Amino acid sequence: MILFVNLQTTTCRRILVPDTSPCLFYKFLGYLYSGLLDTRSLSPDEVTEMLALSDKYEVSLTRLFAD
């Protein structure tokens, strides 16, 4: 069975990511692409939030805290 759907193209360039700050999510994306994250630059609250993001998106951050 083939379904046809009326699709509309939008030019919205904003993606909403609830429950995090843009700055921290940018650092999270940087980690996803590079595998590097300077944890010394994170506050304790940001570390907690980063762990919550990793859990939400099923990304392992365990190697960050191994040292």
N, C-alpha and C. Protein backbone atom coordinates (compact mmCIF):
# COMPACT_ATOMS: atom_id res chain seq x y z
N MET A 1 0.85 -1.17 0.00
CA MET A 1 0.00 0.00 0.00
C MET A 1 0.90 1.24 0.00
N ILE A 2 0.62 2.18 -0.83
CA ILE A 2 1.35 3.43 -0.90
C ILE A 2 0.47 4.54 -0.38
N LEU A 3 1.02 5.31 0.53
CA LEU A 3 0.29 6.44 1.10
C LEU A 3 0.89 7.74 0.58
N PHE A 4 0.05 8.63 0.16
CA PHE A 4 0.50 9.94 -0.29
C PHE A 4 0.12 10.96 0.76
N VAL A 5 1.08 11.77 1.12
CA VAL A 5 0.86 12.77 2.16
C VAL A 5 1.21 14.13 1.59
N ASN A 6 0.39 15.11 1.90
CA ASN A 6 0.65 16.47 1.48
C ASN A 6 1.71 17.07 2.41
N LEU A 7 2.94 17.18 1.93
CA LEU A 7 4.03 17.71 2.74
C LEU A 7 4.28 19.17 2.42
N GLN A 8 4.53 19.93 3.44
CA GLN A 8 4.86 21.33 3.25
C GLN A 8 6.33 21.53 3.63
N THR A 9 7.02 22.32 2.84
CA THR A 9 8.41 22.63 3.13
C THR A 9 8.46 23.89 3.98
N THR A 10 9.23 23.81 5.05
CA THR A 10 9.39 24.99 5.90
C THR A 10 10.85 25.42 5.89
N THR A 11 11.07 26.65 6.21
CA THR A 11 12.44 27.16 6.25
C THR A 11 12.85 27.55 7.66
N CYS A 12 12.17 27.01 8.64
CA CYS A 12 12.51 27.29 10.03
C CYS A 12 13.86 26.65 10.34
N ARG A 13 14.78 27.43 10.84
CA ARG A 13 16.12 26.93 11.13
C ARG A 13 16.36 26.79 12.63
N ARG A 14 15.34 26.77 13.40
CA ARG A 14 15.48 26.70 14.85
C ARG A 14 14.95 25.34 15.33
N ILE A 15 15.77 24.67 16.11
CA ILE A 15 15.37 23.40 16.71
C ILE A 15 15.32 23.62 18.21
N LEU A 16 14.21 23.30 18.80
CA LEU A 16 14.05 23.47 20.24
C LEU A 16 14.48 22.21 20.96
N VAL A 17 15.39 22.37 21.91
CA VAL A 17 15.85 21.26 22.74
C VAL A 17 15.53 21.64 24.18
N PRO A 18 14.46 21.10 24.72
CA PRO A 18 14.08 21.48 26.08
C PRO A 18 15.02 20.88 27.12
N ASP A 19 14.99 21.42 28.29
CA ASP A 19 15.71 20.91 29.46
C ASP A 19 17.22 21.10 29.41
N THR A 20 17.72 22.02 28.60
CA THR A 20 19.15 22.31 28.60
C THR A 20 19.39 23.71 28.06
N SER A 21 20.54 24.24 28.37
CA SER A 21 20.89 25.55 27.85
C SER A 21 21.54 25.40 26.48
N PRO A 22 21.43 26.41 25.64
CA PRO A 22 22.08 26.34 24.32
C PRO A 22 23.59 26.12 24.43
N CYS A 23 24.23 26.77 25.39
CA CYS A 23 25.67 26.65 25.57
C CYS A 23 26.07 25.21 25.90
N LEU A 24 25.37 24.60 26.83
CA LEU A 24 25.70 23.24 27.22
C LEU A 24 25.40 22.25 26.10
N PHE A 25 24.31 22.46 25.38
CA PHE A 25 23.99 21.56 24.27
C PHE A 25 25.04 21.69 23.17
N TYR A 26 25.58 22.88 22.97
CA TYR A 26 26.65 23.09 22.00
C TYR A 26 27.89 22.28 22.41
N LYS A 27 28.21 22.28 23.70
CA LYS A 27 29.34 21.48 24.19
C LYS A 27 29.06 19.99 24.01
N PHE A 28 27.82 19.59 24.23
CA PHE A 28 27.42 18.19 24.04
C PHE A 28 27.58 17.79 22.58
N LEU A 29 27.15 18.63 21.66
CA LEU A 29 27.33 18.34 20.23
C LEU A 29 28.80 18.27 19.86
N GLY A 30 29.59 19.16 20.43
CA GLY A 30 31.03 19.11 20.19
C GLY A 30 31.62 17.79 20.62
N TYR A 31 31.15 17.28 21.76
CA TYR A 31 31.62 15.98 22.23
C TYR A 31 31.19 14.88 21.27
N LEU A 32 29.96 14.95 20.77
CA LEU A 32 29.47 13.92 19.84
C LEU A 32 30.33 13.86 18.58
N TYR A 33 30.72 15.01 18.09
CA TYR A 33 31.49 15.06 16.85
C TYR A 33 32.97 14.78 17.04
N SER A 34 33.54 15.20 18.17
CA SER A 34 34.99 15.09 18.35
C SER A 34 35.42 14.03 19.36
N GLY A 35 34.52 13.70 20.28
CA GLY A 35 34.89 12.79 21.35
C GLY A 35 35.68 13.47 22.45
N LEU A 36 35.80 14.81 22.38
CA LEU A 36 36.57 15.57 23.36
C LEU A 36 35.68 16.54 24.12
N LEU A 37 35.92 16.64 25.41
CA LEU A 37 35.18 17.60 26.24
C LEU A 37 36.05 17.96 27.42
N ASP A 38 36.29 19.24 27.61
CA ASP A 38 37.08 19.71 28.74
C ASP A 38 36.18 19.78 29.96
N THR A 39 36.19 18.73 30.76
CA THR A 39 35.31 18.68 31.93
C THR A 39 35.72 19.68 33.00
N ARG A 40 36.95 20.17 32.94
CA ARG A 40 37.39 21.17 33.93
C ARG A 40 36.66 22.49 33.75
N SER A 41 36.11 22.71 32.56
CA SER A 41 35.41 23.96 32.30
C SER A 41 33.93 23.89 32.70
N LEU A 42 33.49 22.73 33.18
CA LEU A 42 32.09 22.56 33.56
C LEU A 42 31.89 22.72 35.06
N SER A 43 30.82 23.37 35.42
CA SER A 43 30.46 23.46 36.84
C SER A 43 29.83 22.12 37.26
N PRO A 44 29.70 21.88 38.57
CA PRO A 44 29.04 20.64 39.01
C PRO A 44 27.62 20.49 38.45
N ASP A 45 26.89 21.61 38.36
CA ASP A 45 25.54 21.54 37.80
C ASP A 45 25.56 21.18 36.32
N GLU A 46 26.55 21.71 35.59
CA GLU A 46 26.67 21.40 34.17
C GLU A 46 27.07 19.94 33.96
N VAL A 47 27.89 19.39 34.84
CA VAL A 47 28.25 17.97 34.75
C VAL A 47 26.99 17.12 34.93
N THR A 48 26.18 17.48 35.90
CA THR A 48 24.93 16.76 36.13
C THR A 48 24.02 16.85 34.92
N GLU A 49 23.91 18.05 34.35
CA GLU A 49 23.07 18.24 33.17
C GLU A 49 23.64 17.49 31.96
N MET A 50 24.95 17.46 31.83
CA MET A 50 25.59 16.74 30.73
C MET A 50 25.31 15.24 30.85
N LEU A 51 25.35 14.71 32.07
CA LEU A 51 25.03 13.31 32.28
C LEU A 51 23.57 13.02 31.96
N ALA A 52 22.68 13.96 32.29
CA ALA A 52 21.27 13.80 31.95
C ALA A 52 21.07 13.80 30.43
N LEU A 53 21.79 14.68 29.72
CA LEU A 53 21.71 14.70 28.26
C LEU A 53 22.22 13.39 27.67
N SER A 54 23.32 12.89 28.20
CA SER A 54 23.87 11.65 27.67
C SER A 54 22.91 10.49 27.89
N ASP A 55 22.22 10.49 29.03
CA ASP A 55 21.23 9.45 29.28
C ASP A 55 20.04 9.60 28.33
N LYS A 56 19.57 10.82 28.15
CA LYS A 56 18.42 11.08 27.29
C LYS A 56 18.68 10.65 25.85
N TYR A 57 19.90 10.92 25.35
CA TYR A 57 20.23 10.62 23.96
C TYR A 57 21.06 9.34 23.82
N GLU A 58 21.17 8.58 24.92
CA GLU A 58 21.85 7.28 24.94
C GLU A 58 23.27 7.36 24.42
N VAL A 59 24.03 8.31 24.98
CA VAL A 59 25.43 8.51 24.62
C VAL A 59 26.27 8.21 25.86
N SER A 60 27.29 7.39 25.69
CA SER A 60 28.15 7.05 26.81
C SER A 60 29.16 8.16 27.08
N LEU A 61 29.17 8.65 28.31
CA LEU A 61 30.15 9.66 28.73
C LEU A 61 31.10 9.09 29.76
N THR A 62 31.11 7.80 29.97
CA THR A 62 31.90 7.22 31.04
C THR A 62 33.39 7.47 30.86
N ARG A 63 33.86 7.51 29.64
CA ARG A 63 35.31 7.73 29.44
C ARG A 63 35.74 9.14 29.83
N LEU A 64 34.80 10.07 29.93
CA LEU A 64 35.14 11.43 30.34
C LEU A 64 35.65 11.47 31.76
N PHE A 65 35.09 10.64 32.61
CA PHE A 65 35.36 10.71 34.02
C PHE A 65 36.29 9.60 34.49
N ALA A 66 36.93 8.93 33.55
CA ALA A 66 37.82 7.83 33.88
C ALA A 66 39.16 8.31 34.44
N ASP A 67 39.58 9.50 34.07
CA ASP A 67 40.89 10.01 34.53
C ASP A 67 40.85 10.59 35.92
